Amino acid sequence: MMQAPQFSRQVLEWYQRFGRKTLPWQLEKTPYKVWLSEVMLQQTQVATVIPYFERFMARFPEISDLANAPLDEVLHLWTGLGYYARARNLHKAAKTVAEKHNGIFPQTFDEVMDLPGVGRSTAGAVLSLSLGQHYPILDGNVKRVLARCYAVSGWPGKKEVEKRLWEISEEVTPAEGVSQFNQAMMDLGAMVCTRSKPKCEICPLNLGCIAYANGSWASYPGKKPKQTLPVRTGWLLMMQQDQEVWLEQRPPVGLWGGLFCFPQFATLPELQQWLSDKRIDGATLKQSIAFRHTFSHFHLDIVPMWLELPPAGAVMDEGAGLWYNLAQPQSVGLAAPVDRLLQQLRQPQQKALNIRATEEEE
């Protein structure tokens, strides 16, 4: 088993030669920039995050700008990145910094941990990467490196497994060079000790890695216990009036919280009853191609129903939603399936093909 001093030395030497040093949030490190990048990088790859980070920094160069922005605008810029609770917590945290810390990002561990959506690893990453404070980290990449090197069995989501990995992380994090070390550990997991097909031959830890010695890298870390996801069906009403479609804002908590979405129904009769209650009639409902959207805890089979209204064909309560302009879209947060359907509505040929395909199936 590799001793801690050797482990950290090998990692730091590798980082000097191969580590990532020119990512947008690394060029001028501040707690705000590192925090924003860390939140975006949760369950998301670096290449995907970069353009979102750059757009956020262009619009919100200071945390006070983020705090003062309406949530709708934050969600709009986040559209497509997924896991929207991150964006809502980001906005809440920025407001907390503005209200409790005079707009200055906190620089103590407990204060950073108190921010909405921030856990131990994120707090450690922010303070170590931006300010060089001595805190270990344990994101997904680091868990994989440590689990393989020290043969820690079991799924890291289990408390006892995570506790053991934290103990190892604390042991191997050096007293000096913690900023470079933590960045190196994340880079090592992302670039070398990857989930599949790891590049063990070029890993700086291979001589002391138990999984490499045993040829058992695929066993670490342990997989999450399998569960069969339930399947639900949702009917989305795409009600179009010229170049506008009706969208409603979801409640702040729950599925697609705070985002704008087509009216959603559990059944087709429920959708038809809604139209009847709104006294919207005389137009023919047409089904578009159904598709599946998967959440962490269930599959949603989405059935889009298109309804073309004549000019001034429906009077809607604009306190509950808005007429979204396809040609000049408003800056609001959109659920990913909604964004996909809006793209189709902007392309009349594709919309016609999708509707014709369902009619032919019938």
Protein backbone atom coordinates (compact mmCIF):
# COMPACT_ATOMS: atom_id res chain seq x y z
CA MET A 1 0.00 0.00 0.00
CA MET A 2 1.37 3.41 -0.99
CA GLN A 3 2.27 5.71 1.90
CA ALA A 4 0.72 9.18 2.02
CA PRO A 5 3.91 11.21 1.39
CA GLN A 6 4.78 9.16 -1.69
CA PHE A 7 1.19 9.37 -2.93
CA SER A 8 1.05 13.17 -2.75
CA ARG A 9 4.54 13.57 -4.22
CA GLN A 10 3.70 11.39 -7.23
CA VAL A 11 0.44 13.24 -7.82
CA LEU A 12 2.03 16.69 -7.60
CA GLU A 13 4.86 15.72 -9.97
CA TRP A 14 2.31 14.42 -12.48
CA TYR A 15 0.30 17.64 -12.18
CA GLN A 16 3.30 19.82 -13.02
CA ARG A 17 3.71 17.96 -16.29
CA PHE A 18 0.18 17.03 -17.33
CA GLY A 19 -2.42 18.77 -15.16
CA ARG A 20 -5.00 21.22 -16.46
CA LYS A 21 -4.00 24.81 -15.75
CA THR A 22 -5.81 26.92 -18.35
CA LEU A 23 -9.50 26.23 -17.72
CA PRO A 24 -11.54 29.47 -17.63
CA TRP A 25 -11.98 29.38 -13.84
CA GLN A 26 -8.25 28.77 -13.31
CA LEU A 27 -6.93 31.87 -15.09
CA GLU A 28 -7.84 34.29 -12.30
CA LYS A 29 -8.89 32.21 -9.31
CA THR A 30 -11.41 33.73 -6.93
CA PRO A 31 -13.73 31.95 -4.48
CA TYR A 32 -16.72 33.08 -6.57
CA LYS A 33 -15.37 31.69 -9.84
CA VAL A 34 -14.22 28.41 -8.30
CA TRP A 35 -17.56 27.97 -6.51
CA LEU A 36 -19.50 28.61 -9.72
CA SER A 37 -17.36 26.10 -11.63
CA GLU A 38 -17.59 23.47 -8.88
CA VAL A 39 -21.39 23.67 -8.82
CA MET A 40 -21.58 23.40 -12.61
CA LEU A 41 -19.14 20.49 -12.67
CA GLN A 42 -21.27 18.35 -10.38
CA GLN A 43 -22.26 15.32 -12.51
CA THR A 44 -21.27 17.28 -15.64
CA GLN A 45 -18.18 17.06 -17.83
CA VAL A 46 -15.70 19.92 -18.19
CA ALA A 47 -16.26 20.33 -21.95
CA THR A 48 -20.00 20.80 -21.37
CA VAL A 49 -19.49 23.26 -18.52
CA ILE A 50 -17.03 25.66 -20.21
CA PRO A 51 -19.51 27.57 -22.46
CA TYR A 52 -22.05 27.79 -19.62
CA PHE A 53 -19.41 29.12 -17.24
CA GLU A 54 -18.30 31.72 -19.77
CA ARG A 55 -21.88 32.88 -20.37
CA PHE A 56 -22.50 33.15 -16.63
CA MET A 57 -19.32 35.16 -16.07
CA ALA A 58 -20.16 37.48 -18.94
CA ARG A 59 -23.59 38.17 -17.45
CA PHE A 60 -22.70 37.91 -13.74
CA PRO A 61 -19.05 38.99 -13.39
CA GLU A 62 -19.53 39.51 -9.64
CA ILE A 63 -21.57 37.51 -7.16
CA SER A 64 -23.64 40.64 -6.49
CA ASP A 65 -24.75 40.57 -10.15
CA LEU A 66 -25.96 37.00 -9.69
CA ALA A 67 -27.74 37.88 -6.44
CA ASN A 68 -29.58 40.81 -8.06
CA ALA A 69 -30.67 38.86 -11.15
CA PRO A 70 -34.19 37.41 -11.39
CA LEU A 71 -34.31 33.64 -10.96
CA ASP A 72 -35.92 33.31 -14.41
CA GLU A 73 -32.80 34.73 -16.03
CA VAL A 74 -30.51 32.40 -14.06
CA LEU A 75 -32.61 29.39 -15.07
CA HIS A 76 -32.62 30.60 -18.68
CA LEU A 77 -28.82 30.66 -18.78
CA TRP A 78 -28.76 27.23 -17.11
CA THR A 79 -31.13 25.66 -19.66
CA GLY A 80 -29.61 22.47 -21.06
CA LEU A 81 -27.17 21.89 -18.19
CA GLY A 82 -29.66 19.82 -16.20
CA TYR A 83 -30.09 19.21 -12.47
CA TYR A 84 -31.84 22.56 -12.08
CA ALA A 85 -31.79 22.45 -8.28
CA ARG A 86 -28.14 23.47 -8.68
CA ALA A 87 -29.17 26.71 -10.39
CA ARG A 88 -31.83 27.48 -7.79
CA ASN A 89 -29.34 26.87 -4.96
CA LEU A 90 -26.74 28.95 -6.79
CA HIS A 91 -29.13 31.88 -6.84
CA LYS A 92 -30.11 31.38 -3.18
CA ALA A 93 -26.45 31.19 -2.17
CA ALA A 94 -25.61 34.40 -4.03
CA LYS A 95 -28.45 36.17 -2.20
CA THR A 96 -27.16 34.76 1.10
CA VAL A 97 -23.70 36.17 0.37
CA ALA A 98 -25.22 39.56 -0.48
CA GLU A 99 -27.38 39.67 2.64
CA LYS A 100 -25.11 38.07 5.27
CA HIS A 101 -21.60 38.76 3.97
CA ASN A 102 -21.97 42.20 2.35
CA GLY A 103 -21.53 40.70 -1.10
CA ILE A 104 -18.11 39.22 -0.30
CA PHE A 105 -17.77 35.47 -0.76
CA PRO A 106 -17.08 33.92 2.67
CA GLN A 107 -13.61 32.58 3.32
CA THR A 108 -14.12 30.23 6.27
CA PHE A 109 -15.15 26.60 5.94
CA ASP A 110 -18.25 26.81 8.17
CA GLU A 111 -19.55 29.90 6.38
CA VAL A 112 -19.07 28.34 2.95
CA MET A 113 -20.74 25.12 4.15
CA ASP A 114 -23.76 27.18 5.26
CA LEU A 115 -24.45 28.29 1.69
CA PRO A 116 -27.37 26.48 -0.02
CA GLY A 117 -26.26 23.52 -2.14
CA VAL A 118 -22.71 23.40 -0.76
CA GLY A 119 -21.37 20.21 0.82
CA ARG A 120 -18.08 19.30 2.42
CA SER A 121 -16.22 18.53 -0.80
CA THR A 122 -17.41 21.65 -2.62
CA ALA A 123 -16.50 23.86 0.34
CA GLY A 124 -13.06 22.25 0.51
CA ALA A 125 -12.53 22.69 -3.22
CA VAL A 126 -13.51 26.37 -3.17
CA LEU A 127 -11.21 27.27 -0.28
CA SER A 128 -8.27 25.11 -1.32
CA LEU A 129 -8.28 25.93 -5.05
CA SER A 130 -8.85 29.67 -4.70
CA LEU A 131 -7.15 30.49 -1.40
CA GLY A 132 -4.82 27.54 -0.75
CA GLN A 133 -6.52 26.64 2.52
CA HIS A 134 -5.82 23.11 3.74
CA TYR A 135 -8.98 21.09 3.09
CA PRO A 136 -9.29 17.68 1.42
CA ILE A 137 -11.89 17.02 -1.28
CA LEU A 138 -13.88 13.98 -2.35
CA ASP A 139 -15.75 14.46 -5.62
CA GLY A 140 -16.59 11.58 -7.96
CA ASN A 141 -13.21 11.59 -9.66
CA VAL A 142 -11.29 11.59 -6.37
CA LYS A 143 -13.46 8.78 -4.99
CA ARG A 144 -12.56 6.63 -7.99
CA VAL A 145 -8.81 7.25 -7.69
CA LEU A 146 -8.74 6.51 -3.97
CA ALA A 147 -11.07 3.51 -4.14
CA ARG A 148 -8.85 1.84 -6.77
CA CYS A 149 -5.50 2.75 -5.27
CA TYR A 150 -6.45 1.57 -1.79
CA ALA A 151 -8.98 -1.13 -2.81
CA VAL A 152 -11.91 0.37 -0.90
CA SER A 153 -14.83 -1.93 -1.63
CA GLY A 154 -18.46 -0.92 -1.81
CA TRP A 155 -20.57 1.84 -3.29
CA PRO A 156 -19.29 5.31 -2.21
CA GLY A 157 -22.87 6.36 -1.55
CA LYS A 158 -22.85 4.17 1.56
CA LYS A 159 -21.88 6.08 4.70
CA GLU A 160 -19.20 3.64 5.85
CA VAL A 161 -17.54 3.58 2.41
CA GLU A 162 -17.63 7.36 2.09
CA LYS A 163 -16.23 7.70 5.63
CA ARG A 164 -13.26 5.49 4.73
CA LEU A 165 -12.58 7.45 1.54
CA TRP A 166 -12.66 10.73 3.48
CA GLU A 167 -10.13 9.29 5.93
CA ILE A 168 -7.79 8.40 3.07
CA SER A 169 -8.30 11.79 1.41
CA GLU A 170 -7.35 13.52 4.65
CA GLU A 171 -4.24 11.34 4.99
CA VAL A 172 -2.88 11.89 1.48
CA THR A 173 -3.61 15.63 1.19
CA PRO A 174 -0.24 17.32 1.75
CA ALA A 175 0.41 20.19 4.13
CA GLU A 176 1.80 22.30 1.28
CA GLY A 177 0.67 22.60 -2.32
CA VAL A 178 -2.92 21.67 -1.46
CA SER A 179 -4.38 23.77 -4.29
CA GLN A 180 -2.31 21.98 -6.94
CA PHE A 181 -2.84 18.60 -5.25
CA ASN A 182 -6.63 18.85 -5.19
CA GLN A 183 -6.75 20.02 -8.80
CA ALA A 184 -4.39 17.18 -9.70
CA MET A 185 -6.64 14.58 -8.05
CA MET A 186 -9.64 15.79 -10.02
CA ASP A 187 -7.61 15.86 -13.23
CA LEU A 188 -6.22 12.38 -12.58
CA GLY A 189 -9.70 10.95 -12.20
CA ALA A 190 -11.00 12.77 -15.28
CA MET A 191 -8.04 12.14 -17.59
CA VAL A 192 -6.31 8.92 -16.46
CA CYS A 193 -8.27 6.95 -13.85
CA THR A 194 -11.46 7.11 -15.89
CA ARG A 195 -14.62 5.15 -15.22
CA SER A 196 -14.00 2.82 -18.16
CA LYS A 197 -10.75 2.01 -19.95
CA PRO A 198 -8.45 3.74 -17.45
CA LYS A 199 -4.94 4.51 -18.68
CA CYS A 200 -3.24 2.60 -15.87
CA GLU A 201 0.09 2.30 -17.73
CA ILE A 202 0.66 6.06 -17.57
CA CYS A 203 -0.81 6.64 -14.09
CA PRO A 204 1.66 8.11 -11.59
CA LEU A 205 0.15 5.90 -8.87
CA ASN A 206 0.29 2.57 -10.68
CA LEU A 207 3.24 1.16 -8.70
CA GLY A 208 1.30 1.44 -5.46
CA CYS A 209 -2.23 0.90 -6.79
CA ILE A 210 -3.81 -2.30 -5.42
CA ALA A 211 -6.45 -2.46 -8.17
CA TYR A 212 -3.75 -2.16 -10.86
CA ALA A 213 -1.63 -4.85 -9.22
CA ASN A 214 -4.62 -7.21 -9.08
CA GLY A 215 -6.07 -6.25 -12.46
CA SER A 216 -9.30 -5.43 -10.64
CA TRP A 217 -9.86 -1.76 -11.53
CA ALA A 218 -13.37 -2.56 -12.80
CA SER A 219 -14.42 -3.60 -9.28
CA TYR A 220 -13.72 -0.16 -7.79
CA PRO A 221 -15.52 1.84 -6.79
CA GLY A 222 -18.48 -0.44 -6.13
CA LYS A 223 -21.57 0.15 -8.22
CA LYS A 224 -24.76 1.65 -6.92
CA PRO A 225 -27.35 -1.07 -6.21
CA LYS A 226 -29.52 -1.48 -9.29
CA GLN A 227 -33.10 -0.39 -9.18
CA THR A 228 -35.78 -0.54 -11.83
CA LEU A 229 -37.02 2.94 -12.57
CA PRO A 230 -40.81 3.33 -12.75
CA VAL A 231 -42.33 4.69 -15.95
CA ARG A 232 -44.83 7.55 -16.00
CA THR A 233 -46.62 9.19 -18.92
CA GLY A 234 -47.09 12.92 -19.34
CA TRP A 235 -49.14 14.70 -22.00
CA LEU A 236 -47.77 18.10 -23.01
CA LEU A 237 -50.07 20.61 -24.71
CA MET A 238 -48.30 22.69 -27.36
CA MET A 239 -50.89 25.40 -27.86
CA GLN A 240 -49.73 27.65 -30.70
CA GLN A 241 -51.14 30.98 -31.80
CA ASP A 242 -49.24 32.33 -34.81
CA GLN A 243 -45.59 32.59 -33.63
CA GLU A 244 -46.40 32.19 -29.94
CA VAL A 245 -46.94 29.16 -27.72
CA TRP A 246 -48.39 29.06 -24.24
CA LEU A 247 -45.99 28.12 -21.40
CA GLU A 248 -46.71 27.91 -17.69
CA GLN A 249 -44.22 28.33 -14.86
CA ARG A 250 -43.82 25.28 -12.67
CA PRO A 251 -44.04 25.58 -8.87
CA PRO A 252 -40.66 26.46 -7.29
CA VAL A 253 -40.34 23.03 -5.67
CA GLY A 254 -40.69 19.72 -7.47
CA LEU A 255 -40.26 18.50 -11.03
CA TRP A 256 -38.71 21.24 -13.23
CA GLY A 257 -39.15 23.64 -10.30
CA GLY A 258 -39.38 27.27 -11.41
CA LEU A 259 -38.96 26.43 -15.11
CA PHE A 260 -41.42 27.21 -17.89
CA CYS A 261 -43.17 24.25 -19.45
CA PHE A 262 -46.09 23.36 -21.70
CA PRO A 263 -49.21 22.54 -19.68
CA GLN A 264 -48.74 18.93 -18.52
CA PHE A 265 -51.41 16.30 -17.88
CA ALA A 266 -51.45 12.72 -16.62
CA THR A 267 -54.05 11.61 -19.20
CA LEU A 268 -55.47 12.76 -22.52
CA PRO A 269 -59.02 13.14 -21.09
CA GLU A 270 -57.55 15.43 -18.41
CA LEU A 271 -55.98 17.57 -21.14
CA GLN A 272 -59.25 17.68 -23.08
CA GLN A 273 -61.16 18.67 -19.94
CA TRP A 274 -58.68 21.51 -19.35
CA LEU A 275 -59.36 22.82 -22.87
CA SER A 276 -63.09 22.57 -22.26
CA ASP A 277 -62.82 24.46 -18.98
CA LYS A 278 -60.86 27.20 -20.76
CA ARG A 279 -63.52 27.24 -23.51
CA ILE A 280 -60.89 26.48 -26.12
CA ASP A 281 -62.62 24.50 -28.84
CA GLY A 282 -63.02 24.31 -32.56
CA ALA A 283 -59.40 23.32 -33.20
CA THR A 284 -58.10 19.81 -33.76
CA LEU A 285 -55.59 18.25 -31.40
CA LYS A 286 -52.74 16.54 -33.24
CA GLN A 287 -50.27 14.18 -31.64
CA SER A 288 -46.56 14.54 -32.33
CA ILE A 289 -43.94 11.82 -31.83
CA ALA A 290 -43.69 10.65 -28.23
CA PHE A 291 -40.28 10.35 -26.57
CA ARG A 292 -38.78 9.36 -23.23
CA HIS A 293 -37.04 11.69 -20.78
CA THR A 294 -35.23 10.06 -17.86
CA PHE A 295 -34.89 11.58 -14.41
CA SER A 296 -32.78 10.15 -11.61
CA HIS A 297 -35.78 8.37 -10.11
CA PHE A 298 -38.18 7.63 -12.99
CA HIS A 299 -38.71 7.58 -16.75
CA LEU A 300 -41.22 10.04 -18.21
CA ASP A 301 -42.79 9.08 -21.53
CA ILE A 302 -43.80 12.41 -23.06
CA VAL A 303 -46.70 12.61 -25.51
CA PRO A 304 -46.75 16.05 -27.20
CA MET A 305 -50.14 17.25 -28.43
CA TRP A 306 -50.20 20.18 -30.84
CA LEU A 307 -53.09 22.59 -31.10
CA GLU A 308 -53.13 25.50 -33.56
CA LEU A 309 -55.33 28.40 -32.52
CA PRO A 310 -56.70 31.18 -34.70
CA PRO A 311 -55.52 34.74 -33.89
CA ALA A 312 -56.86 35.78 -30.47
CA GLY A 313 -58.20 32.26 -30.14
CA ALA A 314 -57.55 31.96 -26.40
CA VAL A 315 -57.46 34.35 -23.48
CA MET A 316 -55.06 33.03 -20.86
CA ASP A 317 -54.28 34.11 -17.32
CA GLU A 318 -50.86 35.64 -17.83
CA GLY A 319 -50.20 35.53 -14.12
CA ALA A 320 -49.78 31.77 -14.50
CA GLY A 321 -47.64 31.78 -17.62
CA LEU A 322 -46.73 33.60 -20.80
CA TRP A 323 -47.06 33.52 -24.55
CA TYR A 324 -43.55 32.50 -25.60
CA ASN A 325 -42.43 34.06 -28.87
CA LEU A 326 -40.71 31.50 -31.12
CA ALA A 327 -39.05 34.20 -33.23
CA GLN A 328 -37.98 36.47 -30.35
CA PRO A 329 -37.82 34.18 -27.30
CA GLN A 330 -38.00 35.60 -23.80
CA SER A 331 -35.15 34.94 -21.35
CA VAL A 332 -36.80 32.30 -19.17
CA GLY A 333 -35.66 28.90 -17.91
CA LEU A 334 -36.94 25.98 -19.95
CA ALA A 335 -37.20 22.31 -19.11
CA ALA A 336 -34.96 20.32 -21.50
CA PRO A 337 -37.85 18.43 -23.23
CA VAL A 338 -39.67 21.74 -23.69
CA ASP A 339 -36.62 23.32 -25.28
CA ARG A 340 -36.44 20.31 -27.63
CA LEU A 341 -40.10 20.70 -28.65
CA LEU A 342 -39.73 24.45 -29.15
CA GLN A 343 -36.87 23.78 -31.57
CA GLN A 344 -39.23 21.55 -33.56
CA LEU A 345 -41.96 24.19 -33.60
CA ARG A 346 -39.45 26.66 -35.06
CA GLN A 347 -38.95 24.24 -37.97
CA PRO A 348 -42.34 23.81 -39.69
CA GLN A 349 -41.12 20.95 -41.90
CA GLN A 350 -39.92 18.92 -38.91
CA LYS A 351 -43.13 19.65 -37.02
CA ALA A 352 -45.21 18.46 -39.97
CA LEU A 353 -43.12 15.29 -40.32
CA ASN A 354 -43.51 14.43 -36.63
CA ILE A 355 -47.27 14.92 -36.71
CA ARG A 356 -47.65 13.03 -40.01
CA ALA A 357 -45.64 10.11 -38.60
CA THR A 358 -48.04 9.67 -35.67
CA GLU A 359 -51.05 9.91 -37.97
CA GLU A 360 -49.61 7.20 -40.22
CA GLU A 361 -49.02 4.94 -37.20
CA GLU A 362 -52.67 5.25 -36.28
